[in-house]
Amino acid sequence: MDINGLQELENPLTGEYKKLKDWVVNSARMPWFYSRHMTGEIDLIEGKSIPFYGHTVVERPDIHKQKPCSEITSSMFNQTYEVIQQIFDYNNTALNVIFRINFNCVTPNKIERTGWHEDLEIPHKNLIVYLTKFTGGWTYLKNGGEIEKSDPKEDGIIIFEGEHCHAPPKKEGERRIVLVVCYL
């Protein structure tokens, strides 16, 4: 399936999804790891660096580091993969290979949005599941000469391919927690 622009998928809201979401969003034992910039060194140079907390489930391949394979890096892989497969099955959408799985948590920031980027340097598609309710926090997509933006809703799901960026939440105390999957 070729993706043209931002597309929404239905969330089946399975018991497995609800359990995973509760762990990621509410557990004091969820391991989060701090990173001072989301989309690379270019953001530091351009002044668009948004710090975030992440939890990598499947590490992306990196051709620059001579790491041609993805790697499972979290004990949360099985339950996360099960939820992802349920979402794709429910939406009758093909899932052939997963390159990356990450949970990201961004809080309000003075930076308006991240820099434009693609998550991988190989052909791929992106799935984002919005796990929390927040104000702002849009995902932007360059679609030809147009720029589209998502309407993020808690438990909402979007898929897209191409150059994109996102904004942090607007209100103090909010967290933009998302599940990011790079796939084909």
Foldseek 3Di string as FASTA:
>chain_A
DADFPKDWFDQPPDPLVVVVLCCCPPNPPPDWDKDQADADPVCVVVVQGFIKTKDWQWAAADVVVVRRAIHGDDPCNVSVVVSVVVRCVVRVHDFDWWRTKMKIKGAADPRFKHDKDFPDPDDWKKKKFFQDDAAAFWKWACRPPDIDIDDDDHRIMIMGDDIIMTGHGDDHPDMRIMIMIITD
